[in-house]
Amino acid sequence: MADTAFLMWQDPKSPTNIGGVEVDVLMEQEFTKEYEVPSHPTENGFIISDHVIAKPATISMIVSVGPSPVTWGSVLGSGFNRAEEVLSKLGTLADRKEPIKVVTNFKVYEPVIIVKLSAPQKQGSGSVIQFGLDLVRINMVDSQTVAIPPEYVKLLESAQRAGSSESKKGAAQTKDASDKNQDKVKKSLLKSGFDKLINL
């Protein structure tokens, strides 16, 4: 499923914001969701599918940045090196490998990770640069600490003490058996030596 939207389709209210970095023009964006249906062969030769796996959604964007923004000049300001500065900031965001928020006039994407950043230079484009971005939406999981009721703690401690006692008992029995075997060996050696003395 793909949903492609162009800037000309809607009157923008604010600049597109990519992780806190504002750009001049959002030329194109594409939101894609894919699903995988695993299949398993049976003995009869049939292919069955028993569940569906949703892959992470992806967002592809093309943005444009120049030295003098036409639409957002009063907001973004101007400067000959604006494009290089924006590219550097986006590169820093990508290098951090951290979730960011992307706000467009079509949709808000959060949390997403930049997985690809490209800035092809075209002849005749001058100081205006178009950036290509590929982002992947990620699923965040919150950890939670749960209090264990006191009665369960007591049961666990009792079970641990019982296990420790059984372990010590088993070790003592093993030691006793080992000591008895050593005594038998000593007695056998003494008897053998005594027999030899008698036979001399």
N, C-alpha and C. Protein backbone atom coordinates (compact mmCIF):
# COMPACT_ATOMS: atom_id res chain seq x y z
N MET A 1 0.86 -1.17 0.00
CA MET A 1 0.00 0.00 0.00
C MET A 1 0.89 1.22 0.00
N ALA A 2 0.70 2.13 -0.91
CA ALA A 2 1.52 3.32 -1.00
C ALA A 2 0.64 4.54 -1.12
N ASP A 3 1.05 5.62 -0.45
CA ASP A 3 0.30 6.87 -0.48
C ASP A 3 1.28 7.98 -0.83
N THR A 4 1.21 8.49 -2.06
CA THR A 4 2.13 9.51 -2.52
C THR A 4 1.44 10.86 -2.52
N ALA A 5 2.09 11.87 -1.94
CA ALA A 5 1.49 13.20 -1.85
C ALA A 5 2.49 14.23 -2.33
N PHE A 6 2.04 15.22 -3.10
CA PHE A 6 2.88 16.27 -3.62
C PHE A 6 2.50 17.60 -2.96
N LEU A 7 3.48 18.49 -2.90
CA LEU A 7 3.28 19.78 -2.25
C LEU A 7 2.14 20.56 -2.87
N MET A 8 1.96 20.47 -4.16
CA MET A 8 0.96 21.27 -4.85
C MET A 8 -0.47 20.85 -4.50
N TRP A 9 -0.63 19.69 -3.85
CA TRP A 9 -1.97 19.21 -3.54
C TRP A 9 -2.57 19.90 -2.32
N GLN A 10 -1.75 20.57 -1.54
CA GLN A 10 -2.25 21.13 -0.29
C GLN A 10 -1.48 22.40 0.03
N ASP A 11 -2.18 23.36 0.60
CA ASP A 11 -1.56 24.63 0.96
C ASP A 11 -0.79 24.43 2.26
N PRO A 12 0.54 24.53 2.24
CA PRO A 12 1.32 24.27 3.45
C PRO A 12 1.12 25.36 4.49
N LYS A 13 1.13 24.96 5.77
CA LYS A 13 0.95 25.90 6.87
C LYS A 13 2.27 26.23 7.56
N SER A 14 3.24 25.35 7.44
CA SER A 14 4.54 25.56 8.07
C SER A 14 5.58 24.72 7.34
N PRO A 15 6.86 25.05 7.49
CA PRO A 15 7.89 24.26 6.81
C PRO A 15 7.92 22.82 7.31
N THR A 16 8.31 21.92 6.45
CA THR A 16 8.50 20.53 6.86
C THR A 16 9.65 20.45 7.84
N ASN A 17 9.42 19.76 8.95
CA ASN A 17 10.39 19.66 10.02
C ASN A 17 10.84 18.21 10.16
N ILE A 18 12.14 17.98 9.99
CA ILE A 18 12.70 16.63 10.07
C ILE A 18 13.62 16.58 11.28
N GLY A 19 13.11 16.09 12.37
CA GLY A 19 13.93 16.00 13.58
C GLY A 19 14.44 17.33 14.07
N GLY A 20 13.68 18.40 13.85
CA GLY A 20 14.11 19.72 14.26
C GLY A 20 14.80 20.52 13.17
N VAL A 21 15.02 19.91 12.01
CA VAL A 21 15.64 20.59 10.87
C VAL A 21 14.55 20.96 9.87
N GLU A 22 14.38 22.24 9.61
CA GLU A 22 13.35 22.71 8.69
C GLU A 22 13.91 22.86 7.28
N VAL A 23 13.13 22.46 6.30
CA VAL A 23 13.55 22.52 4.90
C VAL A 23 12.63 23.45 4.12
N ASP A 24 13.10 23.87 2.95
CA ASP A 24 12.34 24.86 2.17
C ASP A 24 11.07 24.27 1.58
N VAL A 25 11.23 23.19 0.83
CA VAL A 25 10.10 22.63 0.08
C VAL A 25 10.10 21.12 0.20
N LEU A 26 8.94 20.57 0.50
CA LEU A 26 8.74 19.12 0.44
C LEU A 26 8.23 18.79 -0.96
N MET A 27 9.10 18.25 -1.79
CA MET A 27 8.74 17.98 -3.18
C MET A 27 7.85 16.75 -3.31
N GLU A 28 8.16 15.74 -2.51
CA GLU A 28 7.42 14.48 -2.64
C GLU A 28 7.59 13.65 -1.37
N GLN A 29 6.56 12.93 -1.01
CA GLN A 29 6.67 11.98 0.09
C GLN A 29 5.83 10.75 -0.22
N GLU A 30 6.32 9.61 0.20
CA GLU A 30 5.62 8.35 -0.04
C GLU A 30 5.64 7.51 1.22
N PHE A 31 4.47 7.14 1.68
CA PHE A 31 4.31 6.31 2.87
C PHE A 31 3.92 4.91 2.43
N THR A 32 4.67 3.90 2.85
CA THR A 32 4.44 2.53 2.39
C THR A 32 4.34 1.57 3.58
N LYS A 33 3.32 0.72 3.53
CA LYS A 33 3.19 -0.36 4.50
C LYS A 33 3.13 -1.68 3.75
N GLU A 34 3.92 -2.65 4.22
CA GLU A 34 3.95 -3.96 3.59
C GLU A 34 3.66 -5.04 4.62
N TYR A 35 3.08 -6.14 4.12
CA TYR A 35 2.77 -7.27 4.97
C TYR A 35 3.34 -8.54 4.35
N GLU A 36 3.87 -9.39 5.21
CA GLU A 36 4.43 -10.66 4.75
C GLU A 36 3.54 -11.80 5.22
N VAL A 37 3.23 -12.70 4.29
CA VAL A 37 2.41 -13.86 4.61
C VAL A 37 3.28 -15.11 4.48
N PRO A 38 3.82 -15.61 5.59
CA PRO A 38 4.65 -16.82 5.52
C PRO A 38 3.83 -18.02 5.06
N SER A 39 4.44 -18.88 4.26
CA SER A 39 3.75 -20.07 3.76
C SER A 39 4.52 -21.31 4.17
N HIS A 40 3.77 -22.40 4.37
CA HIS A 40 4.36 -23.66 4.81
C HIS A 40 3.79 -24.80 3.96
N PRO A 41 4.64 -25.60 3.36
CA PRO A 41 4.14 -26.74 2.57
C PRO A 41 3.65 -27.86 3.48
N THR A 42 2.62 -28.57 3.05
CA THR A 42 2.09 -29.71 3.79
C THR A 42 2.47 -31.00 3.08
N GLU A 43 2.17 -32.14 3.73
CA GLU A 43 2.50 -33.43 3.15
C GLU A 43 1.73 -33.68 1.85
N ASN A 44 0.55 -33.06 1.73
CA ASN A 44 -0.26 -33.24 0.54
C ASN A 44 0.15 -32.34 -0.62
N GLY A 45 1.16 -31.51 -0.37
CA GLY A 45 1.62 -30.62 -1.43
C GLY A 45 0.95 -29.26 -1.46
N PHE A 46 0.05 -29.00 -0.51
CA PHE A 46 -0.62 -27.72 -0.46
C PHE A 46 0.22 -26.72 0.33
N ILE A 47 0.07 -25.44 0.00
CA ILE A 47 0.73 -24.36 0.71
C ILE A 47 -0.30 -23.69 1.62
N ILE A 48 0.03 -23.61 2.91
CA ILE A 48 -0.90 -22.97 3.84
C ILE A 48 -0.23 -21.74 4.47
N SER A 49 -1.04 -20.81 4.87
CA SER A 49 -0.58 -19.60 5.56
C SER A 49 -1.47 -19.39 6.77
N ASP A 50 -0.84 -19.30 7.95
CA ASP A 50 -1.63 -19.21 9.16
C ASP A 50 -1.51 -17.88 9.89
N HIS A 51 -0.66 -16.98 9.40
CA HIS A 51 -0.57 -15.67 10.05
C HIS A 51 0.04 -14.65 9.10
N VAL A 52 -0.06 -13.39 9.48
CA VAL A 52 0.43 -12.28 8.67
C VAL A 52 1.38 -11.44 9.52
N ILE A 53 2.52 -11.09 8.95
CA ILE A 53 3.51 -10.28 9.66
C ILE A 53 3.54 -8.88 9.04
N ALA A 54 3.33 -7.87 9.87
CA ALA A 54 3.38 -6.48 9.40
C ALA A 54 4.81 -5.97 9.46
N LYS A 55 5.36 -5.57 8.34
CA LYS A 55 6.70 -5.01 8.29
C LYS A 55 6.67 -3.55 8.73
N PRO A 56 7.80 -3.02 9.20
CA PRO A 56 7.82 -1.61 9.60
C PRO A 56 7.47 -0.70 8.42
N ALA A 57 6.65 0.31 8.68
CA ALA A 57 6.28 1.26 7.64
C ALA A 57 7.51 2.09 7.23
N THR A 58 7.56 2.46 5.96
CA THR A 58 8.67 3.26 5.44
C THR A 58 8.14 4.57 4.87
N ILE A 59 8.95 5.60 4.95
CA ILE A 59 8.61 6.91 4.40
C ILE A 59 9.77 7.37 3.52
N SER A 60 9.47 7.69 2.29
CA SER A 60 10.47 8.24 1.37
C SER A 60 10.11 9.69 1.08
N MET A 61 11.11 10.57 1.14
CA MET A 61 10.86 11.99 0.96
C MET A 61 11.91 12.60 0.04
N ILE A 62 11.50 13.61 -0.71
CA ILE A 62 12.41 14.43 -1.48
C ILE A 62 12.16 15.88 -1.08
N VAL A 63 13.18 16.53 -0.57
CA VAL A 63 13.05 17.93 -0.12
C VAL A 63 14.06 18.78 -0.86
N SER A 64 13.78 20.07 -0.91
CA SER A 64 14.64 21.01 -1.62
C SER A 64 15.04 22.14 -0.68
N VAL A 65 16.34 22.51 -0.75
CA VAL A 65 16.86 23.59 0.08
C VAL A 65 17.75 24.48 -0.78
N GLY A 66 17.54 25.79 -0.66
CA GLY A 66 18.34 26.76 -1.42
C GLY A 66 18.78 27.92 -0.56
N PRO A 67 19.56 28.83 -1.11
CA PRO A 67 20.07 29.95 -0.31
C PRO A 67 19.00 30.96 0.06
N SER A 68 17.95 31.09 -0.74
CA SER A 68 16.90 32.07 -0.48
C SER A 68 15.54 31.41 -0.64
N PRO A 69 14.95 30.87 0.43
CA PRO A 69 13.65 30.21 0.33
C PRO A 69 12.58 31.17 -0.17
N VAL A 70 11.79 30.71 -1.12
CA VAL A 70 10.73 31.55 -1.67
C VAL A 70 9.51 31.53 -0.75
N THR A 71 9.14 30.34 -0.27
CA THR A 71 7.92 30.20 0.53
C THR A 71 8.14 30.61 1.98
N TRP A 72 9.25 30.18 2.55
CA TRP A 72 9.47 30.38 3.98
C TRP A 72 10.67 31.29 4.25
N GLY A 73 10.90 32.26 3.40
CA GLY A 73 12.04 33.14 3.58
C GLY A 73 12.03 33.88 4.90
N SER A 74 10.87 34.34 5.34
CA SER A 74 10.79 35.09 6.60
C SER A 74 10.96 34.20 7.81
N VAL A 75 10.75 32.90 7.64
CA VAL A 75 10.86 31.96 8.76
C VAL A 75 12.25 31.33 8.81
N LEU A 76 12.74 30.88 7.65
CA LEU A 76 14.00 30.16 7.59
C LEU A 76 15.21 31.06 7.41
N GLY A 77 14.99 32.29 6.92
CA GLY A 77 16.11 33.17 6.65
C GLY A 77 16.80 32.79 5.35
N SER A 78 17.92 33.39 5.08
CA SER A 78 18.64 33.14 3.83
C SER A 78 20.14 33.05 4.11
N GLY A 79 20.85 32.51 3.17
CA GLY A 79 22.30 32.35 3.31
C GLY A 79 22.82 31.48 2.19
N PHE A 80 23.99 31.81 1.66
CA PHE A 80 24.51 31.09 0.50
C PHE A 80 24.80 29.62 0.83
N ASN A 81 25.16 29.33 2.08
CA ASN A 81 25.54 27.97 2.46
C ASN A 81 24.41 27.22 3.18
N ARG A 82 23.18 27.67 3.03
CA ARG A 82 22.06 27.05 3.73
C ARG A 82 21.92 25.58 3.38
N ALA A 83 22.05 25.25 2.11
CA ALA A 83 21.87 23.86 1.69
C ALA A 83 22.90 22.95 2.34
N GLU A 84 24.16 23.40 2.36
CA GLU A 84 25.21 22.60 2.98
C GLU A 84 24.98 22.45 4.48
N GLU A 85 24.49 23.52 5.10
CA GLU A 85 24.22 23.46 6.54
C GLU A 85 23.09 22.49 6.85
N VAL A 86 22.02 22.52 6.06
CA VAL A 86 20.90 21.60 6.27
C VAL A 86 21.35 20.16 6.05
N LEU A 87 22.15 19.94 5.01
CA LEU A 87 22.65 18.59 4.74
C LEU A 87 23.50 18.09 5.90
N SER A 88 24.33 18.96 6.45
CA SER A 88 25.18 18.58 7.58
C SER A 88 24.33 18.21 8.80
N LYS A 89 23.27 18.98 9.07
CA LYS A 89 22.40 18.69 10.21
C LYS A 89 21.66 17.37 10.02
N LEU A 90 21.18 17.12 8.81
CA LEU A 90 20.49 15.86 8.54
C LEU A 90 21.46 14.68 8.66
N GLY A 91 22.70 14.88 8.21
CA GLY A 91 23.70 13.83 8.35
C GLY A 91 23.99 13.52 9.81
N THR A 92 24.02 14.56 10.65
CA THR A 92 24.23 14.35 12.08
C THR A 92 23.08 13.55 12.69
N LEU A 93 21.85 13.87 12.28
CA LEU A 93 20.69 13.11 12.76
C LEU A 93 20.80 11.63 12.37
N ALA A 94 21.21 11.38 11.13
CA ALA A 94 21.33 10.00 10.67
C ALA A 94 22.43 9.26 11.44
N ASP A 95 23.54 9.95 11.72
CA ASP A 95 24.66 9.32 12.42
C ASP A 95 24.30 8.97 13.86
N ARG A 96 23.40 9.72 14.46
CA ARG A 96 23.01 9.44 15.85
C ARG A 96 22.22 8.14 15.98
N LYS A 97 21.54 7.74 14.91
CA LYS A 97 20.75 6.50 14.91
C LYS A 97 19.70 6.51 16.02
N GLU A 98 19.11 7.67 16.23
CA GLU A 98 18.09 7.82 17.27
C GLU A 98 16.74 8.13 16.65
N PRO A 99 15.65 7.76 17.32
CA PRO A 99 14.31 8.07 16.80
C PRO A 99 14.08 9.58 16.73
N ILE A 100 13.43 10.03 15.67
CA ILE A 100 13.11 11.44 15.49
C ILE A 100 11.64 11.58 15.12
N LYS A 101 11.19 12.82 15.08
CA LYS A 101 9.82 13.15 14.69
C LYS A 101 9.86 13.96 13.41
N VAL A 102 9.04 13.56 12.44
CA VAL A 102 8.95 14.27 11.17
C VAL A 102 7.54 14.85 11.04
N VAL A 103 7.47 16.16 10.84
CA VAL A 103 6.19 16.85 10.72
C VAL A 103 6.07 17.46 9.33
N THR A 104 5.06 17.02 8.60
CA THR A 104 4.76 17.61 7.30
C THR A 104 3.34 18.16 7.34
N ASN A 105 2.93 18.82 6.27
CA ASN A 105 1.57 19.33 6.20
C ASN A 105 0.56 18.23 5.85
N PHE A 106 1.07 17.04 5.64
CA PHE A 106 0.20 15.91 5.31
C PHE A 106 0.03 14.97 6.49
N LYS A 107 1.13 14.78 7.24
CA LYS A 107 1.08 13.78 8.29
C LYS A 107 2.27 13.96 9.23
N VAL A 108 2.13 13.45 10.45
CA VAL A 108 3.21 13.44 11.42
C VAL A 108 3.70 12.00 11.55
N TYR A 109 5.00 11.80 11.39
CA TYR A 109 5.59 10.46 11.49
C TYR A 109 6.46 10.42 12.75
N GLU A 110 6.13 9.51 13.66
CA GLU A 110 6.87 9.41 14.92
C GLU A 110 6.60 8.07 15.59
N PRO A 111 7.65 7.39 16.09
CA PRO A 111 9.07 7.70 15.92
C PRO A 111 9.61 7.03 14.65
N VAL A 112 10.56 7.68 14.00
CA VAL A 112 11.15 7.14 12.79
C VAL A 112 12.68 7.26 12.87
N ILE A 113 13.35 6.46 12.07
CA ILE A 113 14.81 6.46 11.99
C ILE A 113 15.22 6.74 10.54
N ILE A 114 16.20 7.60 10.35
CA ILE A 114 16.74 7.84 9.00
C ILE A 114 17.64 6.68 8.63
N VAL A 115 17.30 5.98 7.57
CA VAL A 115 18.11 4.84 7.12
C VAL A 115 18.88 5.16 5.84
N LYS A 116 18.52 6.26 5.17
CA LYS A 116 19.25 6.64 3.96
C LYS A 116 19.11 8.14 3.73
N LEU A 117 20.23 8.78 3.39
CA LEU A 117 20.25 10.20 3.07
C LEU A 117 21.10 10.39 1.82
N SER A 118 20.50 10.98 0.79
CA SER A 118 21.22 11.19 -0.47
C SER A 118 21.02 12.62 -0.94
N ALA A 119 22.05 13.16 -1.60
CA ALA A 119 21.98 14.53 -2.10
C ALA A 119 22.65 14.59 -3.48
N PRO A 120 21.95 14.10 -4.51
CA PRO A 120 22.54 14.12 -5.86
C PRO A 120 22.66 15.54 -6.39
N GLN A 121 23.79 15.83 -7.00
CA GLN A 121 24.03 17.14 -7.60
C GLN A 121 23.70 17.08 -9.09
N LYS A 122 22.78 17.97 -9.52
CA LYS A 122 22.39 18.00 -10.92
C LYS A 122 22.96 19.25 -11.59
N GLN A 123 23.38 19.08 -12.82
CA GLN A 123 23.93 20.22 -13.54
C GLN A 123 22.83 21.26 -13.77
N GLY A 124 23.17 22.51 -13.47
CA GLY A 124 22.22 23.59 -13.67
C GLY A 124 21.35 23.87 -12.47
N SER A 125 21.51 23.07 -11.40
CA SER A 125 20.70 23.31 -10.20
C SER A 125 21.25 24.44 -9.35
N GLY A 126 22.48 24.84 -9.59
CA GLY A 126 23.08 25.94 -8.86
C GLY A 126 23.28 25.58 -7.40
N SER A 127 22.94 26.51 -6.51
CA SER A 127 23.14 26.28 -5.08
C SER A 127 21.93 25.64 -4.42
N VAL A 128 20.91 25.30 -5.21
CA VAL A 128 19.73 24.60 -4.68
C VAL A 128 19.99 23.09 -4.72
N ILE A 129 19.79 22.44 -3.59
CA ILE A 129 20.05 21.00 -3.48
C ILE A 129 18.77 20.28 -3.10
N GLN A 130 18.53 19.17 -3.77
CA GLN A 130 17.42 18.30 -3.41
C GLN A 130 17.96 17.10 -2.63
N PHE A 131 17.38 16.84 -1.49
CA PHE A 131 17.78 15.72 -0.66
C PHE A 131 16.76 14.60 -0.76
N GLY A 132 17.25 13.39 -0.75
CA GLY A 132 16.38 12.22 -0.67
C GLY A 132 16.55 11.56 0.69
N LEU A 133 15.45 11.27 1.35
CA LEU A 133 15.50 10.62 2.66
C LEU A 133 14.61 9.40 2.67
N ASP A 134 15.13 8.33 3.25
CA ASP A 134 14.34 7.13 3.51
C ASP A 134 14.30 6.94 5.02
N LEU A 135 13.11 6.80 5.54
CA LEU A 135 12.92 6.63 6.99
C LEU A 135 12.11 5.39 7.26
N VAL A 136 12.31 4.80 8.43
CA VAL A 136 11.57 3.61 8.85
C VAL A 136 10.93 3.89 10.19
N ARG A 137 9.64 3.62 10.27
CA ARG A 137 8.94 3.78 11.55
C ARG A 137 9.26 2.60 12.44
N ILE A 138 9.56 2.89 13.69
CA ILE A 138 9.93 1.83 14.62
C ILE A 138 8.88 1.72 15.72
N ASN A 139 8.83 0.55 16.33
CA ASN A 139 7.91 0.30 17.44
C ASN A 139 8.68 0.39 18.75
N MET A 140 8.27 1.32 19.60
CA MET A 140 8.93 1.51 20.89
C MET A 140 8.22 0.68 21.94
N VAL A 141 9.00 0.05 22.83
CA VAL A 141 8.46 -0.77 23.91
C VAL A 141 8.85 -0.13 25.23
N ASP A 142 7.87 0.11 26.09
CA ASP A 142 8.11 0.69 27.41
C ASP A 142 8.30 -0.41 28.44
N SER A 143 9.34 -0.27 29.25
CA SER A 143 9.56 -1.23 30.34
C SER A 143 8.77 -0.79 31.56
N GLN A 144 8.35 -1.75 32.37
CA GLN A 144 7.54 -1.45 33.54
C GLN A 144 7.98 -2.31 34.71
N THR A 145 8.10 -1.69 35.88
CA THR A 145 8.48 -2.39 37.10
C THR A 145 7.22 -2.77 37.87
N VAL A 146 7.11 -4.04 38.21
CA VAL A 146 5.93 -4.54 38.91
C VAL A 146 6.34 -4.98 40.31
N ALA A 147 5.61 -4.54 41.33
CA ALA A 147 5.88 -4.91 42.71
C ALA A 147 5.38 -6.33 42.97
N ILE A 148 6.24 -7.15 43.61
CA ILE A 148 5.87 -8.53 43.93
C ILE A 148 5.24 -8.55 45.32
N PRO A 149 4.06 -9.14 45.46
CA PRO A 149 3.40 -9.21 46.78
C PRO A 149 4.30 -9.91 47.80
N PRO A 150 4.28 -9.49 49.07
CA PRO A 150 5.15 -10.08 50.10
C PRO A 150 4.98 -11.58 50.25
N GLU A 151 3.73 -12.08 50.09
CA GLU A 151 3.52 -13.52 50.28
C GLU A 151 4.28 -14.35 49.23
N TYR A 152 4.40 -13.80 48.01
CA TYR A 152 5.15 -14.51 46.98
C TYR A 152 6.64 -14.48 47.27
N VAL A 153 7.10 -13.37 47.85
CA VAL A 153 8.51 -13.27 48.20
C VAL A 153 8.85 -14.31 49.27
N LYS A 154 7.97 -14.48 50.27
CA LYS A 154 8.21 -15.47 51.32
C LYS A 154 8.24 -16.89 50.76
N LEU A 155 7.31 -17.19 49.83
CA LEU A 155 7.31 -18.51 49.22
C LEU A 155 8.60 -18.77 48.46
N LEU A 156 9.08 -17.75 47.75
CA LEU A 156 10.32 -17.91 46.98
C LEU A 156 11.51 -18.13 47.91
N GLU A 157 11.55 -17.38 49.01
CA GLU A 157 12.65 -17.54 49.96
C GLU A 157 12.62 -18.92 50.61
N SER A 158 11.41 -19.41 50.91
CA SER A 158 11.28 -20.74 51.51
C SER A 158 11.76 -21.81 50.54
N ALA A 159 11.39 -21.66 49.26
CA ALA A 159 11.81 -22.63 48.25
C ALA A 159 13.33 -22.62 48.09
N GLN A 160 13.94 -21.43 48.15
CA GLN A 160 15.39 -21.35 48.03
C GLN A 160 16.09 -21.99 49.22
N ARG A 161 15.54 -21.77 50.43
CA ARG A 161 16.13 -22.38 51.62
C ARG A 161 16.02 -23.90 51.57
N ALA A 162 14.85 -24.39 51.11
CA ALA A 162 14.66 -25.84 51.01
C ALA A 162 15.64 -26.44 50.01
N GLY A 163 15.83 -25.75 48.90
CA GLY A 163 16.77 -26.25 47.89
C GLY A 163 18.19 -26.25 48.41
N SER A 164 18.53 -25.22 49.20
CA SER A 164 19.88 -25.15 49.77
C SER A 164 20.11 -26.27 50.76
N SER A 165 19.09 -26.58 51.57
CA SER A 165 19.21 -27.65 52.55
C SER A 165 19.40 -29.00 51.87
N GLU A 166 18.62 -29.27 50.84
CA GLU A 166 18.76 -30.52 50.11
C GLU A 166 20.13 -30.64 49.48
N SER A 167 20.64 -29.51 48.98
CA SER A 167 21.97 -29.52 48.35
C SER A 167 23.05 -29.86 49.37
N LYS A 168 22.94 -29.25 50.59
CA LYS A 168 23.92 -29.54 51.63
C LYS A 168 23.83 -30.98 52.10
N LYS A 169 22.60 -31.51 52.20
CA LYS A 169 22.39 -32.89 52.62
C LYS A 169 23.03 -33.85 51.63
N GLY A 170 22.81 -33.55 50.34
CA GLY A 170 23.40 -34.41 49.31
C GLY A 170 24.90 -34.37 49.34
N ALA A 171 25.47 -33.17 49.58
CA ALA A 171 26.92 -33.04 49.65
C ALA A 171 27.48 -33.81 50.84
N ALA A 172 26.76 -33.77 51.99
CA ALA A 172 27.21 -34.49 53.18
C ALA A 172 27.18 -35.99 52.94
N GLN A 173 26.11 -36.46 52.28
CA GLN A 173 26.02 -37.90 51.99
C GLN A 173 27.15 -38.33 51.06
N THR A 174 27.46 -37.52 50.11
CA THR A 174 28.55 -37.84 49.18
C THR A 174 29.88 -37.91 49.90
N LYS A 175 30.09 -36.95 50.85
CA LYS A 175 31.33 -36.92 51.61
C LYS A 175 31.44 -38.16 52.49
N ASP A 176 30.32 -38.55 53.15
CA ASP A 176 30.33 -39.74 54.01
C ASP A 176 30.68 -40.98 53.20
N ALA A 177 30.08 -41.11 52.03
CA ALA A 177 30.36 -42.26 51.18
C ALA A 177 31.81 -42.29 50.76
N SER A 178 32.36 -41.10 50.44
CA SER A 178 33.75 -41.03 50.03
C SER A 178 34.68 -41.41 51.16
N ASP A 179 34.35 -40.95 52.39
CA ASP A 179 35.18 -41.29 53.55
C ASP A 179 35.17 -42.78 53.82
N LYS A 180 34.00 -43.41 53.68
CA LYS A 180 33.89 -44.85 53.91
C LYS A 180 34.73 -45.62 52.90
N ASN A 181 34.70 -45.19 51.64
CA ASN A 181 35.49 -45.87 50.61
C ASN A 181 36.98 -45.74 50.91
N GLN A 182 37.40 -44.56 51.40
CA GLN A 182 38.81 -44.38 51.72
C GLN A 182 39.23 -45.28 52.88
N ASP A 183 38.34 -45.44 53.88
CA ASP A 183 38.65 -46.32 55.01
C ASP A 183 38.81 -47.77 54.55
N LYS A 184 37.95 -48.20 53.60
CA LYS A 184 38.04 -49.56 53.08
C LYS A 184 39.37 -49.77 52.37
N VAL A 185 39.80 -48.78 51.59
CA VAL A 185 41.06 -48.90 50.87
C VAL A 185 42.22 -48.99 51.85
N LYS A 186 42.19 -48.15 52.90
CA LYS A 186 43.28 -48.19 53.90
C LYS A 186 43.35 -49.55 54.59
N LYS A 187 42.16 -50.09 54.99
CA LYS A 187 42.12 -51.39 55.66
C LYS A 187 42.64 -52.48 54.73
N SER A 188 42.28 -52.41 53.46
CA SER A 188 42.73 -53.42 52.50
C SER A 188 44.24 -53.38 52.35
N LEU A 189 44.81 -52.19 52.30
CA LEU A 189 46.28 -52.07 52.18
C LEU A 189 46.98 -52.60 53.43
N LEU A 190 46.44 -52.30 54.61
CA LEU A 190 47.04 -52.79 55.84
C LEU A 190 47.02 -54.31 55.90
N LYS A 191 45.85 -54.90 55.50
CA LYS A 191 45.73 -56.35 55.54
C LYS A 191 46.71 -57.00 54.58
N SER A 192 46.89 -56.40 53.39
CA SER A 192 47.80 -56.94 52.40
C SER A 192 49.23 -56.91 52.92
N GLY A 193 49.60 -55.82 53.57
CA GLY A 193 50.96 -55.73 54.12
C GLY A 193 51.17 -56.72 55.24
N PHE A 194 50.15 -56.93 56.09
CA PHE A 194 50.26 -57.88 57.20
C PHE A 194 50.43 -59.30 56.69
N ASP A 195 49.70 -59.66 55.64
CA ASP A 195 49.80 -61.00 55.06
C ASP A 195 51.20 -61.26 54.53
N LYS A 196 51.80 -60.26 53.92
CA LYS A 196 53.15 -60.43 53.37
C LYS A 196 54.17 -60.67 54.48
N LEU A 197 53.99 -59.99 55.64
CA LEU A 197 54.92 -60.18 56.75
C LEU A 197 54.83 -61.60 57.29
N ILE A 198 53.63 -62.14 57.34
CA ILE A 198 53.43 -63.50 57.84
C ILE A 198 54.10 -64.50 56.94
N ASN A 199 54.04 -64.28 55.64
CA ASN A 199 54.59 -65.24 54.67
C ASN A 199 56.10 -65.16 54.54
N LEU A 200 56.77 -64.24 55.16
CA LEU A 200 58.25 -64.14 55.06
C LEU A 200 58.91 -65.27 55.82
